[in-house]
Amino acid sequence: MAIFKQFWRTLLYILLTVFLFTHHFKGSGGGGIPHFDKVVHFGLFAMLVCIALYDTRLKPQWRNRILVVSLIYGIGVEVIQGVFLPYRSASVWDVVADLAGIVAGAIVFRGYKNSRFYKPAA
């Protein structure tokens, strides 16, 4: 239960992304914007890393694990989409967008951590 207490934001966000990555939405596709799905992947993974790093403020040793697990999650999502979901397709470029989002999220969190707005966990 202690892990849920510390990571409730991250776990809730993961559930949201699992839903988004595994469901088919009629009319989705970015409104004709080319490669809009890559922008979505980038944003979702940047936010995932920011939330997870925020949740682990007490345990700095978790930071590298979060980055690695986030990448594994991104690869796993693509494998699931390619193998088990006939209305979805896997893409190496989605994984690249995920990785870029992971790096961006870590940079954004580091900037936040070094700002005057950051409040370390008690």
N, C-alpha and C. Protein backbone atom coordinates (compact mmCIF):
# COMPACT_ATOMS: atom_id res chain seq x y z
N MET A 1 0.81 -1.19 0.00
CA MET A 1 0.00 0.00 0.00
C MET A 1 0.86 1.26 0.00
N ALA A 2 2.07 1.15 0.57
CA ALA A 2 2.96 2.31 0.63
C ALA A 2 3.36 2.76 -0.78
N ILE A 3 3.56 1.80 -1.69
CA ILE A 3 3.94 2.17 -3.06
C ILE A 3 2.80 2.91 -3.75
N PHE A 4 1.55 2.51 -3.49
CA PHE A 4 0.42 3.22 -4.07
C PHE A 4 0.34 4.64 -3.52
N LYS A 5 0.61 4.78 -2.24
CA LYS A 5 0.56 6.10 -1.61
C LYS A 5 1.58 7.04 -2.24
N GLN A 6 2.77 6.52 -2.55
CA GLN A 6 3.80 7.36 -3.13
C GLN A 6 3.56 7.60 -4.62
N PHE A 7 3.08 6.59 -5.34
CA PHE A 7 2.99 6.66 -6.80
C PHE A 7 1.56 6.78 -7.32
N TRP A 8 0.61 7.24 -6.53
CA TRP A 8 -0.78 7.24 -6.99
C TRP A 8 -0.97 8.08 -8.24
N ARG A 9 -0.27 9.20 -8.35
CA ARG A 9 -0.40 10.04 -9.55
C ARG A 9 0.12 9.31 -10.78
N THR A 10 1.28 8.69 -10.62
CA THR A 10 1.89 7.96 -11.73
C THR A 10 1.02 6.79 -12.16
N LEU A 11 0.53 6.01 -11.21
CA LEU A 11 -0.31 4.85 -11.53
C LEU A 11 -1.60 5.27 -12.21
N LEU A 12 -2.21 6.33 -11.75
CA LEU A 12 -3.43 6.83 -12.38
C LEU A 12 -3.15 7.28 -13.81
N TYR A 13 -2.03 7.96 -14.01
CA TYR A 13 -1.66 8.42 -15.34
C TYR A 13 -1.36 7.24 -16.27
N ILE A 14 -0.70 6.22 -15.75
CA ILE A 14 -0.43 5.03 -16.56
C ILE A 14 -1.73 4.38 -17.00
N LEU A 15 -2.70 4.28 -16.10
CA LEU A 15 -4.01 3.72 -16.46
C LEU A 15 -4.64 4.54 -17.58
N LEU A 16 -4.55 5.86 -17.49
CA LEU A 16 -5.09 6.72 -18.54
C LEU A 16 -4.39 6.46 -19.87
N THR A 17 -3.06 6.37 -19.86
CA THR A 17 -2.34 6.15 -21.11
C THR A 17 -2.60 4.76 -21.69
N VAL A 18 -2.74 3.76 -20.83
CA VAL A 18 -3.09 2.41 -21.32
C VAL A 18 -4.41 2.48 -22.06
N PHE A 19 -5.38 3.18 -21.49
CA PHE A 19 -6.68 3.34 -22.15
C PHE A 19 -6.50 4.03 -23.50
N LEU A 20 -5.76 5.11 -23.53
CA LEU A 20 -5.59 5.87 -24.77
C LEU A 20 -4.84 5.08 -25.83
N PHE A 21 -3.83 4.32 -25.41
CA PHE A 21 -3.02 3.57 -26.38
C PHE A 21 -3.71 2.31 -26.88
N THR A 22 -4.73 1.81 -26.19
CA THR A 22 -5.34 0.54 -26.59
C THR A 22 -6.74 0.68 -27.18
N HIS A 23 -7.31 1.85 -27.16
CA HIS A 23 -8.66 2.02 -27.71
C HIS A 23 -8.62 2.71 -29.05
N HIS A 24 -9.65 2.42 -29.81
CA HIS A 24 -9.79 3.03 -31.13
C HIS A 24 -10.86 4.11 -31.03
N PHE A 25 -10.50 5.32 -31.38
CA PHE A 25 -11.43 6.44 -31.32
C PHE A 25 -11.82 6.82 -32.74
N LYS A 26 -13.11 6.79 -33.02
CA LYS A 26 -13.58 7.16 -34.36
C LYS A 26 -13.29 8.63 -34.61
N GLY A 27 -12.81 8.90 -35.81
CA GLY A 27 -12.52 10.28 -36.18
C GLY A 27 -11.21 10.80 -35.62
N SER A 28 -10.47 9.96 -34.91
CA SER A 28 -9.18 10.43 -34.40
C SER A 28 -8.16 10.39 -35.53
N GLY A 29 -7.12 11.10 -35.36
CA GLY A 29 -6.09 11.12 -36.38
C GLY A 29 -5.44 12.48 -36.49
N GLY A 30 -5.75 13.36 -35.58
CA GLY A 30 -5.08 14.64 -35.55
C GLY A 30 -5.65 15.69 -36.46
N GLY A 31 -6.86 15.46 -36.98
CA GLY A 31 -7.50 16.47 -37.81
C GLY A 31 -6.72 16.79 -39.07
N GLY A 32 -6.03 15.80 -39.61
CA GLY A 32 -5.28 16.01 -40.84
C GLY A 32 -3.88 16.54 -40.63
N ILE A 33 -3.46 16.71 -39.39
CA ILE A 33 -2.11 17.18 -39.11
C ILE A 33 -1.15 16.00 -39.28
N PRO A 34 -0.18 16.11 -40.18
CA PRO A 34 0.74 14.98 -40.39
C PRO A 34 1.53 14.65 -39.13
N HIS A 35 1.63 13.38 -38.86
CA HIS A 35 2.42 12.84 -37.74
C HIS A 35 1.95 13.35 -36.38
N PHE A 36 0.69 13.70 -36.29
CA PHE A 36 0.15 14.19 -35.02
C PHE A 36 0.28 13.15 -33.92
N ASP A 37 0.20 11.87 -34.29
CA ASP A 37 0.33 10.81 -33.27
C ASP A 37 1.71 10.84 -32.60
N LYS A 38 2.72 11.29 -33.33
CA LYS A 38 4.06 11.39 -32.73
C LYS A 38 4.09 12.49 -31.68
N VAL A 39 3.38 13.58 -31.95
CA VAL A 39 3.28 14.68 -30.98
C VAL A 39 2.56 14.19 -29.73
N VAL A 40 1.53 13.38 -29.92
CA VAL A 40 0.79 12.82 -28.78
C VAL A 40 1.69 11.90 -27.96
N HIS A 41 2.42 11.02 -28.63
CA HIS A 41 3.36 10.13 -27.93
C HIS A 41 4.38 10.95 -27.14
N PHE A 42 4.96 11.94 -27.78
CA PHE A 42 5.95 12.79 -27.13
C PHE A 42 5.35 13.42 -25.87
N GLY A 43 4.19 14.02 -25.99
CA GLY A 43 3.56 14.70 -24.86
C GLY A 43 3.17 13.77 -23.74
N LEU A 44 2.60 12.62 -24.09
CA LEU A 44 2.19 11.67 -23.05
C LEU A 44 3.37 11.15 -22.26
N PHE A 45 4.47 10.87 -22.95
CA PHE A 45 5.64 10.34 -22.24
C PHE A 45 6.39 11.42 -21.48
N ALA A 46 6.41 12.64 -21.99
CA ALA A 46 7.03 13.74 -21.23
C ALA A 46 6.26 13.94 -19.92
N MET A 47 4.94 13.92 -20.00
CA MET A 47 4.12 14.10 -18.80
C MET A 47 4.28 12.93 -17.85
N LEU A 48 4.35 11.71 -18.38
CA LEU A 48 4.54 10.53 -17.54
C LEU A 48 5.82 10.66 -16.72
N VAL A 49 6.90 11.04 -17.36
CA VAL A 49 8.18 11.16 -16.66
C VAL A 49 8.13 12.29 -15.63
N CYS A 50 7.54 13.40 -15.99
CA CYS A 50 7.42 14.51 -15.02
C CYS A 50 6.64 14.07 -13.78
N ILE A 51 5.53 13.40 -13.99
CA ILE A 51 4.70 12.96 -12.85
C ILE A 51 5.46 11.93 -12.02
N ALA A 52 6.10 10.97 -12.67
CA ALA A 52 6.82 9.93 -11.94
C ALA A 52 8.00 10.51 -11.16
N LEU A 53 8.72 11.43 -11.77
CA LEU A 53 9.85 12.05 -11.05
C LEU A 53 9.34 12.89 -9.88
N TYR A 54 8.23 13.54 -10.06
CA TYR A 54 7.64 14.32 -8.97
C TYR A 54 7.25 13.38 -7.82
N ASP A 55 6.69 12.24 -8.17
CA ASP A 55 6.28 11.27 -7.13
C ASP A 55 7.46 10.67 -6.38
N THR A 56 8.64 10.70 -6.95
CA THR A 56 9.81 10.07 -6.30
C THR A 56 10.77 11.10 -5.73
N ARG A 57 10.28 12.25 -5.36
CA ARG A 57 11.16 13.30 -4.83
C ARG A 57 11.95 12.83 -3.61
N LEU A 58 11.41 11.90 -2.85
CA LEU A 58 12.12 11.42 -1.66
C LEU A 58 13.23 10.43 -1.99
N LYS A 59 13.15 9.81 -3.14
CA LYS A 59 14.07 8.73 -3.47
C LYS A 59 14.78 9.01 -4.80
N PRO A 60 15.87 9.74 -4.76
CA PRO A 60 16.58 10.07 -6.01
C PRO A 60 17.09 8.84 -6.76
N GLN A 61 17.33 7.73 -6.05
CA GLN A 61 17.83 6.53 -6.72
C GLN A 61 16.80 5.95 -7.70
N TRP A 62 15.56 6.38 -7.63
CA TRP A 62 14.52 5.90 -8.54
C TRP A 62 14.58 6.59 -9.90
N ARG A 63 15.27 7.69 -10.01
CA ARG A 63 15.20 8.50 -11.24
C ARG A 63 15.62 7.74 -12.49
N ASN A 64 16.76 7.08 -12.44
CA ASN A 64 17.20 6.33 -13.63
C ASN A 64 16.27 5.16 -13.93
N ARG A 65 15.77 4.54 -12.88
CA ARG A 65 14.80 3.44 -13.08
C ARG A 65 13.56 3.93 -13.80
N ILE A 66 13.10 5.10 -13.43
CA ILE A 66 11.90 5.66 -14.06
C ILE A 66 12.13 5.87 -15.55
N LEU A 67 13.28 6.38 -15.91
CA LEU A 67 13.57 6.62 -17.33
C LEU A 67 13.62 5.31 -18.10
N VAL A 68 14.26 4.29 -17.54
CA VAL A 68 14.36 2.99 -18.19
C VAL A 68 12.99 2.32 -18.28
N VAL A 69 12.25 2.32 -17.19
CA VAL A 69 10.93 1.68 -17.18
C VAL A 69 9.99 2.40 -18.15
N SER A 70 10.10 3.72 -18.25
CA SER A 70 9.27 4.48 -19.20
C SER A 70 9.56 4.05 -20.63
N LEU A 71 10.84 3.86 -20.95
CA LEU A 71 11.19 3.40 -22.30
C LEU A 71 10.67 1.98 -22.54
N ILE A 72 10.81 1.10 -21.57
CA ILE A 72 10.29 -0.26 -21.70
C ILE A 72 8.77 -0.23 -21.89
N TYR A 73 8.10 0.65 -21.15
CA TYR A 73 6.65 0.81 -21.30
C TYR A 73 6.30 1.26 -22.72
N GLY A 74 7.05 2.21 -23.26
CA GLY A 74 6.80 2.68 -24.62
C GLY A 74 6.98 1.58 -25.66
N ILE A 75 8.03 0.79 -25.51
CA ILE A 75 8.26 -0.34 -26.42
C ILE A 75 7.15 -1.37 -26.26
N GLY A 76 6.78 -1.64 -25.01
CA GLY A 76 5.70 -2.59 -24.74
C GLY A 76 4.38 -2.17 -25.36
N VAL A 77 4.08 -0.89 -25.29
CA VAL A 77 2.85 -0.38 -25.90
C VAL A 77 2.85 -0.66 -27.40
N GLU A 78 3.98 -0.42 -28.04
CA GLU A 78 4.06 -0.65 -29.49
C GLU A 78 3.94 -2.13 -29.83
N VAL A 79 4.55 -2.99 -29.03
CA VAL A 79 4.43 -4.44 -29.26
C VAL A 79 2.96 -4.85 -29.12
N ILE A 80 2.31 -4.40 -28.08
CA ILE A 80 0.88 -4.74 -27.86
C ILE A 80 0.04 -4.23 -29.02
N GLN A 81 0.29 -2.99 -29.46
CA GLN A 81 -0.48 -2.43 -30.57
C GLN A 81 -0.25 -3.24 -31.86
N GLY A 82 0.99 -3.66 -32.09
CA GLY A 82 1.30 -4.38 -33.32
C GLY A 82 0.84 -5.83 -33.33
N VAL A 83 0.80 -6.48 -32.17
CA VAL A 83 0.50 -7.91 -32.11
C VAL A 83 -0.96 -8.19 -31.77
N PHE A 84 -1.50 -7.44 -30.82
CA PHE A 84 -2.81 -7.80 -30.27
C PHE A 84 -3.97 -6.89 -30.69
N LEU A 85 -3.71 -5.75 -31.26
CA LEU A 85 -4.78 -4.80 -31.58
C LEU A 85 -4.85 -4.59 -33.09
N PRO A 86 -5.81 -5.24 -33.74
CA PRO A 86 -5.87 -5.16 -35.20
C PRO A 86 -6.17 -3.76 -35.73
N TYR A 87 -6.76 -2.91 -34.93
CA TYR A 87 -7.10 -1.55 -35.35
C TYR A 87 -5.98 -0.56 -35.05
N ARG A 88 -4.85 -1.04 -34.55
CA ARG A 88 -3.68 -0.21 -34.26
C ARG A 88 -2.47 -0.80 -34.98
N SER A 89 -1.43 -0.01 -35.11
CA SER A 89 -0.20 -0.52 -35.72
C SER A 89 0.99 -0.08 -34.89
N ALA A 90 2.04 -0.86 -34.94
CA ALA A 90 3.27 -0.55 -34.22
C ALA A 90 4.16 0.30 -35.12
N SER A 91 4.95 1.15 -34.48
CA SER A 91 5.84 2.00 -35.26
C SER A 91 7.11 2.29 -34.46
N VAL A 92 8.24 2.10 -35.11
CA VAL A 92 9.52 2.44 -34.49
C VAL A 92 9.55 3.95 -34.21
N TRP A 93 8.92 4.74 -35.08
CA TRP A 93 8.92 6.19 -34.90
C TRP A 93 8.11 6.61 -33.67
N ASP A 94 7.12 5.81 -33.31
CA ASP A 94 6.41 6.09 -32.06
C ASP A 94 7.34 5.90 -30.86
N VAL A 95 8.17 4.87 -30.92
CA VAL A 95 9.14 4.64 -29.84
C VAL A 95 10.15 5.79 -29.79
N VAL A 96 10.57 6.28 -30.94
CA VAL A 96 11.48 7.42 -30.99
C VAL A 96 10.81 8.65 -30.36
N ALA A 97 9.54 8.86 -30.67
CA ALA A 97 8.79 9.98 -30.07
C ALA A 97 8.65 9.78 -28.56
N ASP A 98 8.42 8.53 -28.15
CA ASP A 98 8.36 8.23 -26.71
C ASP A 98 9.67 8.58 -26.03
N LEU A 99 10.78 8.15 -26.63
CA LEU A 99 12.11 8.41 -26.07
C LEU A 99 12.38 9.92 -25.99
N ALA A 100 12.02 10.63 -27.04
CA ALA A 100 12.20 12.09 -27.03
C ALA A 100 11.36 12.72 -25.92
N GLY A 101 10.14 12.22 -25.72
CA GLY A 101 9.30 12.71 -24.64
C GLY A 101 9.88 12.41 -23.27
N ILE A 102 10.46 11.23 -23.13
CA ILE A 102 11.09 10.83 -21.86
C ILE A 102 12.24 11.79 -21.53
N VAL A 103 13.08 12.06 -22.51
CA VAL A 103 14.21 12.96 -22.30
C VAL A 103 13.69 14.38 -22.00
N ALA A 104 12.71 14.84 -22.76
CA ALA A 104 12.15 16.18 -22.53
C ALA A 104 11.53 16.28 -21.14
N GLY A 105 10.80 15.24 -20.73
CA GLY A 105 10.20 15.24 -19.40
C GLY A 105 11.23 15.32 -18.30
N ALA A 106 12.34 14.61 -18.47
CA ALA A 106 13.42 14.65 -17.47
C ALA A 106 14.05 16.04 -17.43
N ILE A 107 14.22 16.66 -18.59
CA ILE A 107 14.79 18.02 -18.63
C ILE A 107 13.84 19.03 -18.00
N VAL A 108 12.57 18.92 -18.31
CA VAL A 108 11.57 19.83 -17.73
C VAL A 108 11.53 19.67 -16.21
N PHE A 109 11.54 18.43 -15.74
CA PHE A 109 11.50 18.22 -14.30
C PHE A 109 12.75 18.77 -13.63
N ARG A 110 13.88 18.59 -14.27
CA ARG A 110 15.12 19.12 -13.70
C ARG A 110 15.06 20.64 -13.60
N GLY A 111 14.51 21.28 -14.63
CA GLY A 111 14.33 22.73 -14.59
C GLY A 111 13.38 23.13 -13.47
N TYR A 112 12.30 22.38 -13.32
CA TYR A 112 11.35 22.65 -12.23
C TYR A 112 12.02 22.46 -10.87
N LYS A 113 12.80 21.40 -10.76
CA LYS A 113 13.47 21.10 -9.48
C LYS A 113 14.44 22.22 -9.10
N ASN A 114 15.05 22.84 -10.07
CA ASN A 114 16.00 23.92 -9.81
C ASN A 114 15.33 25.29 -9.71
N SER A 115 14.01 25.34 -9.82
CA SER A 115 13.30 26.62 -9.78
C SER A 115 12.88 26.97 -8.36
N ARG A 116 12.41 28.16 -8.19
CA ARG A 116 11.93 28.60 -6.88
C ARG A 116 10.57 28.00 -6.54
N PHE A 117 9.91 27.37 -7.50
CA PHE A 117 8.59 26.78 -7.27
C PHE A 117 8.65 25.37 -6.69
N TYR A 118 9.81 24.76 -6.74
CA TYR A 118 9.97 23.37 -6.28
C TYR A 118 9.90 23.29 -4.77
N LYS A 119 9.11 22.36 -4.31
CA LYS A 119 9.00 22.09 -2.87
C LYS A 119 9.35 20.63 -2.63
N PRO A 120 10.51 20.38 -2.00
CA PRO A 120 10.90 18.99 -1.73
C PRO A 120 9.86 18.30 -0.83
N ALA A 121 9.74 17.02 -1.02
CA ALA A 121 8.80 16.25 -0.17
C ALA A 121 9.28 16.31 1.27
N ALA A 122 8.32 16.31 2.15
CA ALA A 122 8.66 16.40 3.59
C ALA A 122 9.12 15.07 4.13
